[in-house]
Amino acid sequence: MRIGIDVGGTHTDAVILDGDKILSATKALTSADVVGGIKHALDTLLLDASIKPERIQTVMIGTTQFTNAIVQRRELSRTGVIRIALPSGKGMPPMIDWPDDMRETIDADIHMIRGGYLYDGHPLAELCDDEIDAAIASFKAKKIANIAIASAFSPMNDAPERHVEDRLRQAMPEARITRSAQFGRLGLMERENAVIMNATLLPFADKVVSAFLGALKNRGLTCPAYISQNDGTLMSSDFVRHFPALTFSSGPTNSLRGAYKLTGLENAIVVDIGGTTSDIGVLQDGFPRESNVVVDIGGVRTNFRMPDILALGLGGGSLVSDSGKSVGPQSVGHKLVTDGLVFGGDQLTTTDIIVAAGQADIGDKNRVSHLSEVVIQTAKQTMRDMLDRSIEMMKPGGKDMPVILVGGGSLLVTEGLAAASKLYRPENAGVANAIGAAVAQVGGEAEKMVNYRITPREESVAEITQIAAKRAVAAGAEPTSIRTVDIEETAIPYMDEGATRVRIKVIGELAG
């Protein structure tokens, strides 16, 4: 028996699952301190299902707290940065493309030193301990305890990063250190950005995880707790304290996994309609299709493993104008319950349109009785057209696929969608994100550049799979349950013959 919780910007959704059976589900307003909303949701769940806390074996939580911290420039700590890439990395210093307000907030102490490797395994330069010690002295003088290390091509050879980390730990035992090789993606600038983001969030991660665990303990839940990461898998609470940035975009991922659980469809388009936006993603073999392009987080380029999501400005609070011909992207968001017409406000929203059409019983329908049939039908057609166009853009190879509607705003779709080969509206779709969190497994990923002429493919894949499996175990997976779910091989035409980029993902069940 387990609880899944997804903490969103407006609502905190929660469910209790007994095996595959949903015993209770609820939505609570997300409180300013987050903890209040979680406590309220837990109280409602346990009371509704008549379940004693000691019967719950695990709790899984999805959160947008760390993404919001980056976007809103809050709870970010001063960070030390060491880039190991001189002499060739001098022209593009760390954080050169970051927004000014973000750079000022972090106020990073940056040091560029000699070392690192080329794509073919040859060293750029020998490490210089004097340069490392100079960086350490600077961090000590400035009392900086959160440090990010990034080395050229470290996913292929992370020896320079490990050497620098060892010297840092000897001189600064209290330091919180993140190495870029632990994130595993090639591309120095984006990987470095990711590791700096992670380092600056470390103190906030302690605060958030402690708050989550405190809320659970306060309600008598002493079972293990796990946090959702952005590839549809889980991390232990201790793992999140070290890698909070891996939670970025976990909300849409949970919705996709929840849609899979509710329908059993392994390959489908998922449309998650919230209060402000519709997140459209693709299920491939039961997991979210990942993006292969650089992902922007708060104005900073990263190469995290992220779900391929198209965000459309259509939600339950989207504003309707021009006699229904224009919908969104402006939205009243969480103020829908005060600003929407059916709630006594003065803003015409998509929810008002559906109520006026007689297809939803929300608020006071008499307040929208003045809307003409032309406005109602035009707005509904506009919404359908917006969704159809976006779904077509996300289809793999343009082929027809079923569409699963989830999220509290899914009531906006009252008829079929032309872009869907078949439309699914599963029961409990409103809390699909919490269900996705509850059913998640534990994953690990690794990536390297290999040469099949030097190391045969079978041996290379086995080596990289082993690295991914170790990361999954570290995140809380049962070693005997780990299986490979994705192998991505990309030949690199501008390198030596046989050079191939290999990325492998594994998943496993939670350790008992």
Protein backbone atom coordinates (compact mmCIF):
# COMPACT_ATOMS: atom_id res chain seq x y z
CA MET A 1 0.00 0.00 0.00
CA ARG A 2 1.51 3.33 -1.03
CA ILE A 3 0.74 7.02 -1.33
CA GLY A 4 1.52 9.18 -4.35
CA ILE A 5 1.65 12.97 -3.99
CA ASP A 6 2.25 15.61 -6.66
CA VAL A 7 2.84 19.16 -5.41
CA GLY A 8 1.87 21.59 -8.16
CA GLY A 9 1.77 25.35 -8.25
CA THR A 10 -2.01 25.43 -7.64
CA HIS A 11 -3.05 22.04 -6.31
CA THR A 12 -1.47 19.21 -4.33
CA ASP A 13 -2.88 15.94 -5.67
CA ALA A 14 -2.66 12.71 -3.70
CA VAL A 15 -3.78 9.07 -3.96
CA ILE A 16 -3.59 5.87 -1.94
CA LEU A 17 -2.95 2.72 -3.96
CA ASP A 18 -3.36 -0.83 -2.70
CA GLY A 19 -1.54 -2.71 -5.43
CA ASP A 20 -3.27 -1.39 -8.56
CA LYS A 21 -6.47 -0.40 -6.77
CA ILE A 22 -7.09 3.29 -6.00
CA LEU A 23 -8.52 3.48 -2.48
CA SER A 24 -8.73 7.25 -2.20
CA ALA A 25 -7.87 10.36 -4.22
CA THR A 26 -7.96 14.05 -3.37
CA LYS A 27 -6.97 17.55 -4.49
CA ALA A 28 -5.88 20.19 -1.96
CA LEU A 29 -4.76 23.76 -2.57
CA THR A 30 -0.97 24.03 -2.44
CA SER A 31 -0.06 26.12 0.60
CA ALA A 32 2.63 28.81 0.62
CA ASP A 33 4.86 26.60 2.75
CA VAL A 34 3.95 23.48 0.70
CA VAL A 35 3.84 21.40 3.88
CA GLY A 36 0.35 22.59 4.84
CA GLY A 37 -1.08 21.40 1.53
CA ILE A 38 0.60 18.00 1.91
CA LYS A 39 -0.72 17.58 5.47
CA HIS A 40 -4.24 18.49 4.37
CA ALA A 41 -4.10 16.03 1.47
CA LEU A 42 -2.80 13.25 3.73
CA ASP A 43 -5.51 13.87 6.33
CA THR A 44 -8.21 13.66 3.66
CA LEU A 45 -6.73 10.50 2.12
CA LEU A 46 -6.30 8.54 5.33
CA LEU A 47 -9.72 9.53 6.67
CA ASP A 48 -11.52 8.80 3.41
CA ALA A 49 -9.91 5.38 3.00
CA SER A 50 -10.09 4.55 6.75
CA ILE A 51 -6.43 3.56 6.61
CA LYS A 52 -4.07 3.69 9.57
CA PRO A 53 -0.70 5.38 8.78
CA GLU A 54 1.32 2.31 9.77
CA ARG A 55 -0.23 0.34 6.88
CA ILE A 56 1.41 2.61 4.29
CA GLN A 57 4.66 1.07 3.05
CA THR A 58 6.04 3.87 0.84
CA VAL A 59 5.30 7.47 -0.09
CA MET A 60 6.28 8.96 -3.46
CA ILE A 61 6.33 12.74 -3.94
CA GLY A 62 6.58 14.81 -7.10
CA THR A 63 7.43 18.47 -6.66
CA THR A 64 8.02 21.64 -8.68
CA GLN A 65 9.83 23.33 -5.79
CA PHE A 66 13.31 23.19 -7.32
CA THR A 67 12.18 24.27 -10.79
CA ASN A 68 10.29 27.17 -9.25
CA ALA A 69 13.35 28.17 -7.22
CA ILE A 70 15.40 28.50 -10.41
CA VAL A 71 12.67 30.32 -12.35
CA GLN A 72 11.90 32.71 -9.49
CA ARG A 73 15.57 33.22 -8.47
CA ARG A 74 14.95 32.30 -4.85
CA GLU A 75 16.55 29.96 -2.31
CA LEU A 76 19.75 29.85 -4.41
CA SER A 77 23.06 29.66 -2.57
CA ARG A 78 26.42 31.14 -3.50
CA THR A 79 28.40 28.59 -5.48
CA GLY A 80 32.01 27.85 -6.34
CA VAL A 81 32.76 26.64 -9.87
CA ILE A 82 35.83 24.81 -11.16
CA ARG A 83 36.09 24.18 -14.88
CA ILE A 84 38.84 21.78 -15.96
CA ALA A 85 39.33 22.58 -19.65
CA LEU A 86 42.26 24.97 -20.21
CA PRO A 87 43.78 25.89 -22.52
CA SER A 88 40.99 25.23 -25.08
CA GLY A 89 38.07 26.20 -22.83
CA LYS A 90 39.20 29.76 -22.21
CA GLY A 91 37.12 31.44 -24.91
CA MET A 92 33.72 30.59 -23.40
CA PRO A 93 33.93 30.98 -19.59
CA PRO A 94 31.35 29.39 -17.28
CA MET A 95 27.92 31.05 -17.02
CA ILE A 96 28.65 33.36 -19.98
CA ASP A 97 25.13 32.87 -21.41
CA TRP A 98 23.23 33.06 -18.10
CA PRO A 99 20.66 35.82 -17.48
CA ASP A 100 22.21 38.70 -15.53
CA ASP A 101 19.81 38.40 -12.58
CA MET A 102 20.60 34.69 -12.25
CA ARG A 103 24.36 35.30 -12.26
CA GLU A 104 23.98 38.04 -9.67
CA THR A 105 21.83 35.86 -7.42
CA ILE A 106 24.31 32.97 -7.37
CA ASP A 107 27.38 35.26 -7.29
CA ALA A 108 29.60 32.35 -8.34
CA ASP A 109 33.32 32.20 -7.58
CA ILE A 110 34.64 30.81 -10.89
CA HIS A 111 38.03 29.18 -11.47
CA MET A 112 39.28 27.78 -14.79
CA ILE A 113 42.19 25.36 -14.58
CA ARG A 114 44.21 23.17 -16.91
CA GLY A 115 43.16 19.58 -17.61
CA GLY A 116 40.39 17.52 -19.12
CA TYR A 117 40.30 15.32 -22.19
CA LEU A 118 39.52 15.42 -25.89
CA TYR A 119 36.80 13.28 -27.51
CA ASP A 120 39.40 10.70 -28.56
CA GLY A 121 40.70 10.21 -25.02
CA HIS A 122 43.84 12.30 -25.34
CA PRO A 123 44.46 14.75 -22.47
CA LEU A 124 44.04 18.48 -23.04
CA ALA A 125 46.69 19.23 -20.41
CA GLU A 126 48.05 17.88 -17.15
CA LEU A 127 46.24 18.88 -13.98
CA CYS A 128 48.08 21.43 -11.85
CA ASP A 129 47.60 20.99 -8.09
CA ASP A 130 48.72 24.58 -7.49
CA GLU A 131 45.74 25.81 -9.56
CA ILE A 132 43.40 23.53 -7.63
CA ASP A 133 44.79 24.74 -4.30
CA ALA A 134 44.33 28.37 -5.37
CA ALA A 135 40.64 27.70 -6.03
CA ILE A 136 40.29 25.96 -2.67
CA ALA A 137 41.91 28.92 -0.89
CA SER A 138 39.47 31.27 -2.59
CA PHE A 139 36.45 29.15 -1.58
CA LYS A 140 37.67 29.05 2.01
CA ALA A 141 38.24 32.80 2.15
CA LYS A 142 34.75 33.47 0.77
CA LYS A 143 33.14 30.77 2.95
CA ILE A 144 31.65 28.97 -0.09
CA ALA A 145 30.55 25.42 0.70
CA ASN A 146 28.61 24.47 -2.46
CA ILE A 147 30.95 23.61 -5.33
CA ALA A 148 30.39 22.48 -8.93
CA ILE A 149 33.14 20.74 -10.93
CA ALA A 150 33.01 20.32 -14.72
CA SER A 151 35.69 18.84 -16.94
CA ALA A 152 35.88 18.53 -20.73
CA PHE A 153 34.47 15.16 -21.88
CA SER A 154 34.16 13.91 -18.29
CA PRO A 155 31.36 11.43 -19.20
CA MET A 156 34.12 9.59 -21.09
CA ASN A 157 36.84 10.05 -18.49
CA ASP A 158 35.99 11.61 -15.13
CA ALA A 159 39.46 11.16 -13.57
CA PRO A 160 40.19 14.93 -13.52
CA GLU A 161 36.90 15.67 -11.74
CA ARG A 162 37.51 12.94 -9.18
CA HIS A 163 41.04 14.21 -8.52
CA VAL A 164 39.79 17.75 -7.91
CA GLU A 165 36.98 16.42 -5.71
CA ASP A 166 39.47 14.44 -3.59
CA ARG A 167 41.63 17.52 -2.97
CA LEU A 168 38.55 19.57 -2.12
CA ARG A 169 37.31 17.01 0.39
CA GLN A 170 40.69 16.83 2.07
CA ALA A 171 40.85 20.60 2.46
CA MET A 172 37.13 21.27 2.96
CA PRO A 173 35.40 18.23 4.55
CA GLU A 174 32.19 20.23 4.98
CA ALA A 175 31.90 21.14 1.28
CA ARG A 176 28.90 20.02 -0.83
CA ILE A 177 30.40 18.95 -4.17
CA THR A 178 28.69 18.00 -7.45
CA ARG A 179 30.66 16.62 -10.40
CA SER A 180 29.27 17.08 -13.91
CA ALA A 181 30.06 13.47 -14.88
CA GLN A 182 27.36 12.42 -12.41
CA PHE A 183 24.78 13.92 -14.79
CA GLY A 184 26.19 11.93 -17.69
CA ARG A 185 25.41 13.99 -20.80
CA LEU A 186 28.01 15.19 -23.31
CA GLY A 187 28.33 18.89 -24.12
CA LEU A 188 30.52 20.88 -21.71
CA MET A 189 28.58 24.17 -21.52
CA GLU A 190 25.14 22.64 -20.95
CA ARG A 191 26.47 19.95 -18.60
CA GLU A 192 28.37 22.61 -16.64
CA ASN A 193 25.21 24.74 -16.41
CA ALA A 194 23.32 21.76 -15.03
CA VAL A 195 25.90 20.99 -12.36
CA ILE A 196 26.05 24.65 -11.25
CA MET A 197 22.26 24.69 -10.92
CA ASN A 198 22.41 21.54 -8.84
CA ALA A 199 25.12 22.92 -6.55
CA THR A 200 23.28 26.17 -5.89
CA LEU A 201 20.13 24.23 -4.87
CA LEU A 202 21.80 21.93 -2.33
CA PRO A 203 20.96 23.85 0.88
CA PHE A 204 17.37 24.34 -0.34
CA ALA A 205 17.18 20.59 -1.07
CA ASP A 206 17.96 19.86 2.57
CA LYS A 207 15.18 22.23 3.63
CA VAL A 208 12.59 20.80 1.21
CA VAL A 209 13.35 17.14 1.92
CA SER A 210 13.32 17.76 5.67
CA ALA A 211 9.97 19.55 5.34
CA PHE A 212 8.50 16.65 3.33
CA LEU A 213 9.74 14.04 5.79
CA GLY A 214 8.54 16.17 8.71
CA ALA A 215 5.05 16.43 7.20
CA LEU A 216 4.90 12.65 6.78
CA LYS A 217 6.18 11.97 10.30
CA ASN A 218 3.69 14.49 11.68
CA ARG A 219 0.91 12.36 10.22
CA GLY A 220 2.34 9.13 11.61
CA LEU A 221 3.96 7.95 8.37
CA THR A 222 7.37 6.48 9.17
CA CYS A 223 7.79 4.51 5.91
CA PRO A 224 10.48 5.33 3.29
CA ALA A 225 9.81 8.37 1.08
CA TYR A 226 10.92 8.83 -2.53
CA ILE A 227 10.95 11.83 -4.88
CA SER A 228 10.06 11.76 -8.59
CA GLN A 229 12.73 12.67 -11.10
CA ASN A 230 12.33 13.96 -14.61
CA ASP A 231 12.58 10.66 -16.49
CA GLY A 232 9.60 8.99 -14.81
CA THR A 233 11.58 7.20 -12.11
CA LEU A 234 12.24 7.76 -8.40
CA MET A 235 15.07 8.86 -6.12
CA SER A 236 15.46 8.16 -2.43
CA SER A 237 15.07 11.20 -0.18
CA ASP A 238 18.78 11.12 0.62
CA PHE A 239 19.65 11.00 -3.10
CA VAL A 240 17.54 14.14 -3.70
CA ARG A 241 19.61 16.01 -1.12
CA HIS A 242 22.58 15.52 -3.49
CA PHE A 243 20.80 15.86 -6.86
CA PRO A 244 17.79 18.18 -6.56
CA ALA A 245 18.12 19.34 -10.18
CA LEU A 246 17.07 15.86 -11.36
CA THR A 247 13.51 16.72 -10.31
CA PHE A 248 13.15 19.40 -13.02
CA SER A 249 10.04 18.76 -15.14
CA SER A 250 8.96 15.78 -13.03
CA GLY A 251 5.33 17.04 -12.96
CA PRO A 252 4.55 16.42 -16.66
CA THR A 253 6.48 13.14 -16.43
CA ASN A 254 4.27 11.94 -13.59
CA SER A 255 1.17 12.79 -15.61
CA LEU A 256 2.38 10.69 -18.53
CA ARG A 257 3.20 7.74 -16.30
CA GLY A 258 -0.18 8.11 -14.58
CA ALA A 259 -1.94 8.11 -17.97
CA TYR A 260 -0.14 4.87 -18.83
CA LYS A 261 -1.20 3.30 -15.52
CA LEU A 262 -4.84 4.36 -15.91
CA THR A 263 -5.22 3.08 -19.49
CA GLY A 264 -2.53 0.45 -20.01
CA LEU A 265 -1.60 2.16 -23.30
CA GLU A 266 2.16 1.97 -23.79
CA ASN A 267 2.22 4.18 -26.90
CA ALA A 268 -0.01 7.24 -26.98
CA ILE A 269 -0.20 11.03 -26.90
CA VAL A 270 -0.99 12.40 -23.43
CA VAL A 271 -2.67 15.80 -23.01
CA ASP A 272 -2.49 17.06 -19.41
CA ILE A 273 -4.77 20.13 -19.13
CA GLY A 274 -4.26 22.26 -16.05
CA GLY A 275 -5.38 25.72 -15.02
CA THR A 276 -2.98 27.67 -17.23
CA THR A 277 -1.42 25.32 -19.78
CA SER A 278 -1.86 22.00 -21.53
CA ASP A 279 1.26 19.83 -21.44
CA ILE A 280 1.38 17.46 -24.40
CA GLY A 281 3.79 14.54 -24.34
CA VAL A 282 4.34 11.14 -25.94
CA LEU A 283 4.33 7.73 -24.26
CA GLN A 284 6.80 5.30 -25.78
CA ASP A 285 6.77 1.80 -24.29
CA GLY A 286 5.11 3.18 -21.17
CA PHE A 287 7.68 5.93 -20.51
CA PRO A 288 7.82 9.58 -21.61
CA ARG A 289 9.64 10.23 -24.85
CA GLU A 290 12.75 12.21 -23.95
CA SER A 291 13.87 15.41 -25.61
CA ASN A 292 17.12 15.30 -27.58
CA VAL A 293 17.48 19.06 -27.77
CA VAL A 294 18.92 21.58 -25.34
CA VAL A 295 16.36 22.41 -22.65
CA ASP A 296 15.97 25.91 -21.23
CA ILE A 297 15.44 26.09 -17.45
CA GLY A 298 14.86 29.60 -16.16
CA GLY A 299 16.76 31.07 -19.10
CA VAL A 300 19.73 28.70 -18.76
CA ARG A 301 20.64 26.08 -21.39
CA THR A 302 21.00 22.54 -20.01
CA ASN A 303 21.19 19.01 -21.38
CA PHE A 304 19.25 17.22 -18.63
CA ARG A 305 17.28 14.14 -19.50
CA MET A 306 13.91 15.85 -19.95
CA PRO A 307 10.54 14.65 -21.27
CA ASP A 308 9.68 16.00 -24.71
CA ILE A 309 6.80 18.28 -23.73
CA LEU A 310 4.91 20.86 -25.77
CA ALA A 311 3.33 23.45 -23.45
CA LEU A 312 0.21 25.04 -24.93
CA GLY A 313 -1.39 28.15 -23.43
CA LEU A 314 -4.76 26.48 -22.89
CA GLY A 315 -6.17 25.66 -19.46
CA GLY A 316 -9.25 25.92 -17.30
CA GLY A 317 -8.45 29.53 -16.45
CA SER A 318 -7.48 30.69 -19.96
CA LEU A 319 -9.09 33.98 -21.01
CA VAL A 320 -11.51 34.00 -23.93
CA SER A 321 -11.73 37.10 -26.16
CA ASP A 322 -12.70 38.29 -29.65
CA SER A 323 -16.09 36.54 -29.50
CA GLY A 324 -14.43 33.17 -28.86
CA LYS A 325 -11.87 33.39 -31.68
CA SER A 326 -8.99 33.91 -29.23
CA VAL A 327 -8.24 31.66 -26.25
CA GLY A 328 -5.21 32.15 -23.96
CA PRO A 329 -2.32 32.19 -23.40
CA GLN A 330 -3.30 34.71 -20.70
CA SER A 331 -4.95 32.98 -17.76
CA VAL A 332 -6.41 33.77 -14.36
CA GLY A 333 -4.68 30.58 -13.13
CA HIS A 334 -5.42 29.77 -9.50
CA LYS A 335 -7.63 32.87 -9.28
CA LEU A 336 -10.27 31.10 -11.39
CA VAL A 337 -12.39 30.54 -8.25
CA THR A 338 -12.66 34.31 -7.76
CA ASP A 339 -12.17 35.87 -11.21
CA GLY A 340 -14.18 33.53 -13.47
CA LEU A 341 -17.73 34.59 -14.38
CA VAL A 342 -19.38 31.52 -12.84
CA PHE A 343 -17.66 32.34 -9.54
CA GLY A 344 -18.83 35.96 -9.49
CA GLY A 345 -15.80 37.50 -11.21
CA ASP A 346 -15.61 39.57 -14.38
CA GLN A 347 -13.24 37.49 -16.58
CA LEU A 348 -14.56 35.22 -19.34
CA THR A 349 -12.64 31.96 -19.15
CA THR A 350 -12.73 28.59 -20.89
CA THR A 351 -14.43 27.11 -17.83
CA ASP A 352 -17.24 29.64 -18.22
CA ILE A 353 -17.66 28.54 -21.85
CA ILE A 354 -18.06 24.87 -20.90
CA VAL A 355 -20.53 25.72 -18.12
CA ALA A 356 -22.54 27.95 -20.51
CA ALA A 357 -22.63 25.05 -22.98
CA GLY A 358 -24.26 22.92 -20.28
CA GLN A 359 -21.36 20.45 -20.24
CA ALA A 360 -20.06 21.12 -16.72
CA ASP A 361 -21.75 21.90 -13.43
CA ILE A 362 -19.33 24.36 -11.85
CA GLY A 363 -20.16 27.58 -10.00
CA ASP A 364 -23.33 29.52 -10.85
CA LYS A 365 -24.42 28.82 -14.44
CA ASN A 366 -26.86 31.74 -14.31
CA ARG A 367 -23.89 34.11 -14.45
CA VAL A 368 -23.06 32.95 -18.01
CA SER A 369 -26.63 32.73 -19.32
CA HIS A 370 -26.03 35.92 -21.34
CA LEU A 371 -23.36 34.31 -23.54
CA SER A 372 -24.54 33.79 -27.10
CA GLU A 373 -24.52 30.40 -28.77
CA VAL A 374 -22.17 31.79 -31.43
CA VAL A 375 -19.55 32.79 -28.82
CA ILE A 376 -19.86 29.44 -27.05
CA GLN A 377 -19.47 27.33 -30.20
CA THR A 378 -16.69 29.53 -31.60
CA ALA A 379 -14.67 29.27 -28.38
CA LYS A 380 -15.12 25.49 -28.23
CA GLN A 381 -13.97 25.15 -31.84
CA THR A 382 -10.95 27.39 -31.12
CA MET A 383 -9.96 25.12 -28.23
CA ARG A 384 -10.31 21.99 -30.35
CA ASP A 385 -8.26 23.53 -33.15
CA MET A 386 -5.48 24.52 -30.73
CA LEU A 387 -5.26 20.99 -29.32
CA ASP A 388 -5.46 19.29 -32.73
CA ARG A 389 -2.60 21.39 -34.14
CA SER A 390 -0.38 20.73 -31.13
CA ILE A 391 -1.10 17.00 -31.07
CA GLU A 392 -0.23 16.73 -34.77
CA MET A 393 3.13 18.41 -34.03
CA MET A 394 3.96 15.79 -31.38
CA LYS A 395 3.03 12.65 -33.33
CA PRO A 396 6.05 10.39 -33.98
CA GLY A 397 6.45 10.37 -37.75
CA GLY A 398 3.01 11.89 -38.14
CA LYS A 399 1.30 8.51 -37.59
CA ASP A 400 -2.14 8.25 -36.00
CA MET A 401 -2.11 7.59 -32.27
CA PRO A 402 -4.63 7.39 -29.43
CA VAL A 403 -4.87 10.43 -27.14
CA ILE A 404 -5.28 10.24 -23.35
CA LEU A 405 -6.83 13.25 -21.61
CA VAL A 406 -5.78 13.86 -18.00
CA GLY A 407 -5.67 16.78 -15.58
CA GLY A 408 -8.34 18.85 -13.91
CA GLY A 409 -8.88 20.90 -17.07
CA SER A 410 -9.67 17.90 -19.28
CA LEU A 411 -13.36 18.81 -19.02
CA LEU A 412 -12.61 21.49 -21.66
CA VAL A 413 -12.65 18.76 -24.31
CA THR A 414 -16.35 17.96 -24.67
CA GLU A 415 -16.29 16.32 -28.11
CA GLY A 416 -13.73 14.28 -29.98
CA LEU A 417 -10.43 15.52 -31.36
CA ALA A 418 -9.66 15.17 -35.06
CA ALA A 419 -5.98 14.47 -34.32
CA ALA A 420 -6.79 11.44 -32.13
CA SER A 421 -7.29 7.98 -33.60
CA LYS A 422 -9.18 7.28 -30.37
CA LEU A 423 -9.81 9.48 -27.32
CA TYR A 424 -9.47 8.13 -23.77
CA ARG A 425 -10.83 9.82 -20.63
CA PRO A 426 -9.83 7.46 -17.81
CA GLU A 427 -11.42 7.50 -14.38
CA ASN A 428 -9.34 9.48 -11.84
CA ALA A 429 -7.70 11.41 -14.70
CA GLY A 430 -7.71 14.53 -12.52
CA VAL A 431 -5.05 13.02 -10.24
CA ALA A 432 -3.03 11.20 -12.92
CA ASN A 433 0.12 13.01 -11.79
CA ALA A 434 -0.17 11.64 -8.24
CA ILE A 435 -0.85 8.16 -9.63
CA GLY A 436 2.23 8.49 -11.84
CA ALA A 437 4.32 9.32 -8.78
CA ALA A 438 2.91 6.34 -6.88
CA VAL A 439 3.69 3.75 -9.56
CA ALA A 440 7.14 5.02 -10.53
CA GLN A 441 10.18 2.78 -10.49
CA VAL A 442 13.83 3.65 -9.90
CA GLY A 443 16.08 4.42 -12.84
CA GLY A 444 19.65 5.15 -13.81
CA GLU A 445 21.30 6.49 -16.95
CA ALA A 446 24.82 6.60 -18.37
CA GLU A 447 26.35 7.97 -21.54
CA LYS A 448 29.78 7.63 -23.16
CA MET A 449 31.56 8.14 -26.44
CA VAL A 450 33.02 4.83 -27.60
CA ASN A 451 34.91 3.45 -30.58
CA TYR A 452 33.61 0.05 -31.65
CA ARG A 453 36.89 -0.64 -33.53
CA ILE A 454 38.76 -0.48 -30.23
CA THR A 455 36.10 -1.86 -27.87
CA PRO A 456 33.50 -4.21 -29.41
CA ARG A 457 29.88 -3.08 -29.19
CA GLU A 458 28.81 -5.86 -26.82
CA GLU A 459 31.58 -5.01 -24.38
CA SER A 460 30.92 -1.26 -24.62
CA VAL A 461 27.19 -1.65 -24.00
CA ALA A 462 27.84 -3.95 -21.03
CA GLU A 463 30.24 -1.41 -19.49
CA ILE A 464 27.85 1.52 -19.87
CA THR A 465 24.91 -0.57 -18.63
CA GLN A 466 26.89 -1.39 -15.50
CA ILE A 467 27.47 2.33 -14.83
CA ALA A 468 23.75 3.04 -15.29
CA ALA A 469 22.83 0.14 -12.99
CA LYS A 470 25.13 1.45 -10.24
CA ARG A 471 23.41 4.82 -10.45
CA ALA A 472 20.00 3.15 -10.21
CA VAL A 473 21.07 1.21 -7.11
CA ALA A 474 22.41 4.42 -5.56
CA ALA A 475 18.99 6.00 -6.19
CA GLY A 476 17.22 3.16 -4.35
CA ALA A 477 16.68 0.31 -6.84
CA GLU A 478 16.73 -3.38 -5.99
CA PRO A 479 19.87 -4.68 -7.84
CA THR A 480 18.30 -7.97 -8.96
CA SER A 481 15.31 -6.23 -10.58
CA ILE A 482 17.24 -3.88 -12.88
CA ARG A 483 16.56 -4.15 -16.61
CA THR A 484 17.56 -2.08 -19.63
CA VAL A 485 14.72 -0.06 -21.17
CA ASP A 486 16.54 2.10 -23.71
CA ILE A 487 19.78 1.98 -25.70
CA GLU A 488 20.48 5.00 -27.89
CA GLU A 489 23.41 4.81 -30.32
CA THR A 490 24.42 7.78 -32.45
CA ALA A 491 27.28 7.53 -34.93
CA ILE A 492 29.48 10.65 -34.94
CA PRO A 493 30.37 11.30 -38.60
CA TYR A 494 32.92 14.05 -37.98
CA MET A 495 35.06 11.89 -35.69
CA ASP A 496 37.19 8.82 -36.23
CA GLU A 497 35.50 5.92 -37.97
CA GLY A 498 33.61 3.88 -35.40
CA ALA A 499 33.09 6.74 -32.92
CA THR A 500 29.61 6.35 -31.44
CA ARG A 501 27.71 8.14 -28.68
CA VAL A 502 25.93 5.54 -26.54
CA ARG A 503 23.27 6.36 -23.93
CA ILE A 504 21.68 3.61 -21.84
CA LYS A 505 18.78 3.80 -19.40
CA VAL A 506 17.85 1.12 -16.88
CA ILE A 507 15.01 0.80 -14.36
CA GLY A 508 14.33 -1.41 -11.37
CA GLU A 509 11.86 -1.92 -8.54
CA LEU A 510 12.20 -0.13 -5.22
CA ALA A 511 14.52 -1.92 -2.82
CA GLY A 512 12.63 -3.58 0.00
